[in-house]
N, C-alpha and C. Protein backbone atom coordinates (compact mmCIF):
# COMPACT_ATOMS: atom_id res chain seq x y z
N MET A 1 3.66 -10.83 -11.20
CA MET A 1 2.97 -11.13 -12.44
C MET A 1 1.75 -11.98 -12.09
N PHE A 2 0.61 -11.64 -12.67
CA PHE A 2 -0.60 -12.42 -12.49
C PHE A 2 -0.93 -13.13 -13.80
N LEU A 3 -1.18 -14.43 -13.73
CA LEU A 3 -1.55 -15.22 -14.91
C LEU A 3 -2.82 -16.02 -14.61
N GLU A 4 -3.72 -16.04 -15.56
CA GLU A 4 -4.99 -16.74 -15.40
C GLU A 4 -5.44 -17.25 -16.76
N ASP A 5 -6.00 -18.44 -16.79
CA ASP A 5 -6.55 -18.98 -18.02
C ASP A 5 -7.65 -19.96 -17.65
N THR A 6 -8.34 -20.45 -18.64
CA THR A 6 -9.39 -21.44 -18.42
C THR A 6 -9.42 -22.42 -19.59
N ARG A 7 -9.71 -23.65 -19.28
CA ARG A 7 -9.87 -24.72 -20.28
C ARG A 7 -8.63 -24.93 -21.14
N GLU A 8 -7.46 -24.76 -20.57
CA GLU A 8 -6.21 -25.06 -21.27
C GLU A 8 -5.55 -26.24 -20.57
N PRO A 9 -5.26 -27.31 -21.28
CA PRO A 9 -4.59 -28.45 -20.64
C PRO A 9 -3.16 -28.07 -20.21
N PRO A 10 -2.62 -28.78 -19.23
CA PRO A 10 -1.29 -28.44 -18.72
C PRO A 10 -0.19 -28.37 -19.79
N TYR A 11 -0.25 -29.21 -20.81
CA TYR A 11 0.82 -29.15 -21.82
C TYR A 11 0.80 -27.82 -22.57
N ARG A 12 -0.36 -27.21 -22.71
CA ARG A 12 -0.44 -25.91 -23.38
C ARG A 12 0.04 -24.80 -22.45
N ILE A 13 -0.27 -24.91 -21.16
CA ILE A 13 0.24 -23.95 -20.18
C ILE A 13 1.76 -24.05 -20.14
N ASP A 14 2.28 -25.27 -20.20
CA ASP A 14 3.73 -25.51 -20.24
C ASP A 14 4.35 -24.75 -21.41
N ARG A 15 3.74 -24.87 -22.58
CA ARG A 15 4.26 -24.21 -23.78
C ARG A 15 4.24 -22.69 -23.61
N MET A 16 3.14 -22.16 -23.08
CA MET A 16 3.03 -20.71 -22.90
C MET A 16 4.07 -20.19 -21.91
N LEU A 17 4.22 -20.89 -20.78
CA LEU A 17 5.19 -20.47 -19.78
C LEU A 17 6.62 -20.59 -20.30
N THR A 18 6.88 -21.64 -21.07
CA THR A 18 8.21 -21.83 -21.65
C THR A 18 8.54 -20.70 -22.61
N GLN A 19 7.56 -20.24 -23.38
CA GLN A 19 7.80 -19.10 -24.28
C GLN A 19 8.13 -17.85 -23.49
N LEU A 20 7.38 -17.61 -22.40
CA LEU A 20 7.68 -16.45 -21.55
C LEU A 20 9.06 -16.56 -20.92
N ARG A 21 9.40 -17.75 -20.44
CA ARG A 21 10.72 -17.98 -19.84
C ARG A 21 11.82 -17.73 -20.86
N ASN A 22 11.68 -18.30 -22.07
CA ASN A 22 12.70 -18.15 -23.10
C ASN A 22 12.84 -16.71 -23.58
N ALA A 23 11.78 -15.93 -23.46
CA ALA A 23 11.83 -14.51 -23.84
C ALA A 23 12.41 -13.64 -22.74
N GLY A 24 12.72 -14.23 -21.58
CA GLY A 24 13.32 -13.49 -20.48
C GLY A 24 12.32 -12.74 -19.62
N VAL A 25 11.05 -12.98 -19.81
CA VAL A 25 10.02 -12.26 -19.05
C VAL A 25 10.15 -12.53 -17.55
N PHE A 26 10.40 -13.77 -17.16
CA PHE A 26 10.47 -14.11 -15.74
C PHE A 26 11.72 -13.56 -15.06
N ASP A 27 12.70 -13.11 -15.85
CA ASP A 27 13.89 -12.48 -15.27
C ASP A 27 13.57 -11.12 -14.68
N GLN A 28 12.40 -10.58 -15.01
CA GLN A 28 12.03 -9.23 -14.60
C GLN A 28 10.94 -9.20 -13.54
N VAL A 29 10.52 -10.35 -13.02
CA VAL A 29 9.44 -10.36 -12.03
C VAL A 29 9.98 -10.81 -10.67
N HIS A 30 9.22 -10.49 -9.63
CA HIS A 30 9.62 -10.86 -8.27
C HIS A 30 8.70 -11.92 -7.68
N GLY A 31 7.69 -12.31 -8.42
CA GLY A 31 6.76 -13.34 -7.98
C GLY A 31 5.70 -13.56 -9.04
N VAL A 32 5.10 -14.75 -9.04
CA VAL A 32 4.04 -15.07 -10.00
C VAL A 32 2.83 -15.57 -9.22
N ILE A 33 1.68 -15.00 -9.56
CA ILE A 33 0.43 -15.39 -8.95
C ILE A 33 -0.45 -15.98 -10.05
N PHE A 34 -0.93 -17.19 -9.82
CA PHE A 34 -1.83 -17.83 -10.77
C PHE A 34 -3.25 -17.74 -10.25
N GLY A 35 -4.19 -17.50 -11.16
CA GLY A 35 -5.60 -17.49 -10.81
C GLY A 35 -6.08 -18.91 -10.55
N THR A 36 -7.37 -19.11 -10.56
CA THR A 36 -7.92 -20.43 -10.27
C THR A 36 -7.66 -21.43 -11.38
N MET A 37 -7.38 -20.96 -12.59
CA MET A 37 -7.04 -21.84 -13.72
C MET A 37 -8.12 -22.92 -13.92
N SER A 38 -9.36 -22.50 -14.02
CA SER A 38 -10.51 -23.39 -14.13
C SER A 38 -10.40 -24.34 -15.32
N ASN A 39 -10.64 -25.60 -15.06
CA ASN A 39 -10.65 -26.65 -16.09
C ASN A 39 -9.34 -26.75 -16.86
N CYS A 40 -8.23 -26.42 -16.22
CA CYS A 40 -6.91 -26.56 -16.84
C CYS A 40 -6.29 -27.86 -16.33
N SER A 41 -6.83 -28.96 -16.81
CA SER A 41 -6.35 -30.25 -16.32
C SER A 41 -6.46 -31.30 -17.43
N ASP A 42 -5.75 -32.37 -17.22
CA ASP A 42 -5.91 -33.57 -18.03
C ASP A 42 -5.55 -34.75 -17.14
N PRO A 43 -5.83 -35.96 -17.56
CA PRO A 43 -5.58 -37.11 -16.68
C PRO A 43 -4.10 -37.49 -16.53
N TYR A 44 -3.22 -36.84 -17.27
CA TYR A 44 -1.82 -37.26 -17.31
C TYR A 44 -0.86 -36.32 -16.59
N ASN A 45 -1.24 -35.05 -16.42
CA ASN A 45 -0.31 -34.06 -15.87
C ASN A 45 -0.96 -33.23 -14.79
N SER A 46 -0.19 -32.93 -13.76
CA SER A 46 -0.62 -32.00 -12.73
C SER A 46 -0.22 -30.60 -13.16
N LEU A 47 -1.18 -29.68 -13.20
CA LEU A 47 -0.88 -28.31 -13.62
C LEU A 47 0.18 -27.69 -12.72
N ARG A 48 0.05 -27.87 -11.41
CA ARG A 48 1.04 -27.29 -10.50
C ARG A 48 2.43 -27.87 -10.74
N SER A 49 2.52 -29.15 -11.03
CA SER A 49 3.83 -29.76 -11.32
C SER A 49 4.44 -29.18 -12.59
N VAL A 50 3.61 -29.00 -13.61
CA VAL A 50 4.09 -28.41 -14.86
C VAL A 50 4.61 -27.00 -14.60
N ILE A 51 3.86 -26.21 -13.86
CA ILE A 51 4.27 -24.84 -13.55
C ILE A 51 5.57 -24.84 -12.75
N ARG A 52 5.65 -25.68 -11.74
CA ARG A 52 6.88 -25.74 -10.92
C ARG A 52 8.07 -26.17 -11.75
N ASP A 53 7.89 -27.12 -12.67
CA ASP A 53 9.00 -27.57 -13.53
C ASP A 53 9.51 -26.43 -14.42
N VAL A 54 8.60 -25.70 -15.04
CA VAL A 54 9.01 -24.62 -15.95
C VAL A 54 9.71 -23.49 -15.18
N LEU A 55 9.24 -23.23 -13.96
CA LEU A 55 9.78 -22.10 -13.18
C LEU A 55 10.81 -22.54 -12.13
N ALA A 56 11.29 -23.76 -12.22
CA ALA A 56 12.20 -24.31 -11.21
C ALA A 56 13.49 -23.52 -11.01
N ALA A 57 13.97 -22.87 -12.03
CA ALA A 57 15.24 -22.14 -11.93
C ALA A 57 15.12 -20.82 -11.18
N TYR A 58 13.91 -20.38 -10.90
CA TYR A 58 13.69 -19.08 -10.26
C TYR A 58 13.46 -19.23 -8.77
N THR A 59 13.85 -18.22 -8.02
CA THR A 59 13.70 -18.26 -6.56
C THR A 59 12.52 -17.44 -6.07
N PHE A 60 11.80 -16.77 -6.98
CA PHE A 60 10.67 -15.96 -6.54
C PHE A 60 9.51 -16.85 -6.08
N PRO A 61 8.63 -16.28 -5.25
CA PRO A 61 7.48 -17.06 -4.78
C PRO A 61 6.45 -17.26 -5.90
N ILE A 62 5.75 -18.37 -5.81
CA ILE A 62 4.67 -18.70 -6.73
C ILE A 62 3.43 -18.97 -5.90
N ALA A 63 2.33 -18.30 -6.24
CA ALA A 63 1.07 -18.49 -5.51
C ALA A 63 0.02 -19.04 -6.48
N PHE A 64 -0.85 -19.87 -5.96
CA PHE A 64 -1.90 -20.48 -6.77
C PHE A 64 -3.27 -20.16 -6.19
N GLY A 65 -4.25 -19.98 -7.06
CA GLY A 65 -5.63 -19.91 -6.63
C GLY A 65 -6.22 -18.55 -6.36
N LEU A 66 -5.61 -17.46 -6.84
CA LEU A 66 -6.21 -16.15 -6.65
C LEU A 66 -7.52 -16.11 -7.44
N ARG A 67 -8.59 -15.84 -6.75
CA ARG A 67 -9.91 -15.87 -7.38
C ARG A 67 -10.17 -14.55 -8.11
N SER A 68 -9.53 -14.43 -9.25
CA SER A 68 -9.68 -13.26 -10.10
C SER A 68 -9.61 -13.75 -11.54
N GLY A 69 -10.24 -13.04 -12.42
CA GLY A 69 -10.24 -13.46 -13.82
C GLY A 69 -11.48 -14.25 -14.14
N HIS A 70 -11.35 -15.54 -14.29
CA HIS A 70 -12.47 -16.41 -14.63
C HIS A 70 -13.00 -17.06 -13.35
N GLY A 71 -14.27 -17.30 -13.28
CA GLY A 71 -14.84 -18.00 -12.14
C GLY A 71 -16.01 -17.25 -11.53
N ASP A 72 -16.62 -17.88 -10.52
CA ASP A 72 -17.79 -17.30 -9.86
C ASP A 72 -17.44 -16.03 -9.09
N VAL A 73 -16.28 -16.03 -8.43
CA VAL A 73 -15.82 -14.86 -7.68
C VAL A 73 -14.64 -14.28 -8.45
N SER A 74 -14.63 -12.98 -8.65
CA SER A 74 -13.54 -12.35 -9.39
C SER A 74 -13.11 -11.08 -8.68
N LEU A 75 -12.05 -11.18 -7.89
CA LEU A 75 -11.51 -10.02 -7.20
C LEU A 75 -10.81 -9.10 -8.19
N SER A 76 -10.90 -7.84 -7.97
CA SER A 76 -10.25 -6.86 -8.84
C SER A 76 -8.76 -6.76 -8.51
N ILE A 77 -7.98 -6.59 -9.53
CA ILE A 77 -6.54 -6.36 -9.38
C ILE A 77 -6.22 -5.08 -10.13
N ARG A 78 -5.66 -4.11 -9.43
CA ARG A 78 -5.27 -2.87 -10.10
C ARG A 78 -4.02 -3.11 -10.93
N LEU A 79 -4.08 -2.76 -12.20
CA LEU A 79 -2.91 -2.91 -13.06
C LEU A 79 -1.79 -2.01 -12.55
N GLY A 80 -0.60 -2.57 -12.46
CA GLY A 80 0.55 -1.82 -12.00
C GLY A 80 0.63 -1.64 -10.50
N ALA A 81 -0.30 -2.24 -9.76
CA ALA A 81 -0.30 -2.10 -8.30
C ALA A 81 0.87 -2.87 -7.69
N HIS A 82 1.38 -2.38 -6.60
CA HIS A 82 2.43 -3.06 -5.85
C HIS A 82 1.78 -4.06 -4.91
N LEU A 83 2.11 -5.33 -5.06
CA LEU A 83 1.59 -6.39 -4.19
C LEU A 83 2.71 -6.92 -3.31
N GLU A 84 2.34 -7.43 -2.18
CA GLU A 84 3.30 -8.11 -1.31
C GLU A 84 2.85 -9.56 -1.16
N MET A 85 3.80 -10.48 -1.35
CA MET A 85 3.51 -11.90 -1.22
C MET A 85 4.28 -12.43 -0.02
N ASP A 86 3.60 -13.15 0.83
CA ASP A 86 4.24 -13.86 1.94
C ASP A 86 4.05 -15.35 1.67
N GLY A 87 5.06 -15.96 1.07
CA GLY A 87 4.99 -17.37 0.71
C GLY A 87 4.84 -18.29 1.90
N GLU A 88 5.45 -17.93 3.01
CA GLU A 88 5.35 -18.75 4.23
C GLU A 88 3.92 -18.78 4.75
N ALA A 89 3.26 -17.62 4.79
CA ALA A 89 1.90 -17.53 5.32
C ALA A 89 0.85 -17.78 4.26
N GLY A 90 1.24 -17.76 2.97
CA GLY A 90 0.27 -17.95 1.91
C GLY A 90 -0.66 -16.77 1.74
N VAL A 91 -0.13 -15.55 1.93
CA VAL A 91 -0.95 -14.34 1.87
C VAL A 91 -0.40 -13.41 0.80
N ILE A 92 -1.34 -12.83 0.04
CA ILE A 92 -1.01 -11.81 -0.93
C ILE A 92 -1.78 -10.56 -0.51
N SER A 93 -1.08 -9.43 -0.38
CA SER A 93 -1.77 -8.22 0.04
C SER A 93 -1.42 -7.06 -0.89
N MET A 94 -2.36 -6.14 -0.98
CA MET A 94 -2.17 -4.93 -1.74
C MET A 94 -2.35 -3.78 -0.76
N GLY A 95 -1.27 -3.12 -0.41
CA GLY A 95 -1.34 -2.09 0.64
C GLY A 95 -1.63 -2.76 1.97
N SER A 96 -2.60 -2.24 2.69
CA SER A 96 -2.93 -2.81 4.00
C SER A 96 -4.07 -3.82 3.93
N GLU A 97 -4.61 -4.07 2.73
CA GLU A 97 -5.74 -4.99 2.58
C GLU A 97 -5.25 -6.37 2.14
N THR A 98 -5.74 -7.41 2.77
CA THR A 98 -5.41 -8.77 2.35
C THR A 98 -6.46 -9.22 1.34
N HIS A 99 -6.00 -9.73 0.19
CA HIS A 99 -6.91 -10.08 -0.88
C HIS A 99 -7.04 -11.56 -1.15
N CYS A 100 -6.14 -12.38 -0.74
CA CYS A 100 -6.32 -13.82 -0.94
C CYS A 100 -5.35 -14.56 -0.05
N GLU A 101 -5.63 -15.81 0.12
CA GLU A 101 -4.74 -16.70 0.87
C GLU A 101 -4.57 -17.97 0.12
């Protein structure tokens, strides 16, 4: 699953992820990739900590910083494409091409 947003404070991302979790959406995924999440911050909460807290019960890999969606660089992601995530190496690949680290 790929998720990306901009200008949303962590408490709002927490609410959105909690709704997805409560709806059982994360029970059907094998990994979550977050985009750059530009300007998704506030002085009180770490976005990564909020994400890790909401998804703590899951064992799938979580990747941060895929430069797609909003931002100066926007890599294309084919809808429905099969991706491979290597959490140890920090690599996400689509087929034989490496698209982010």
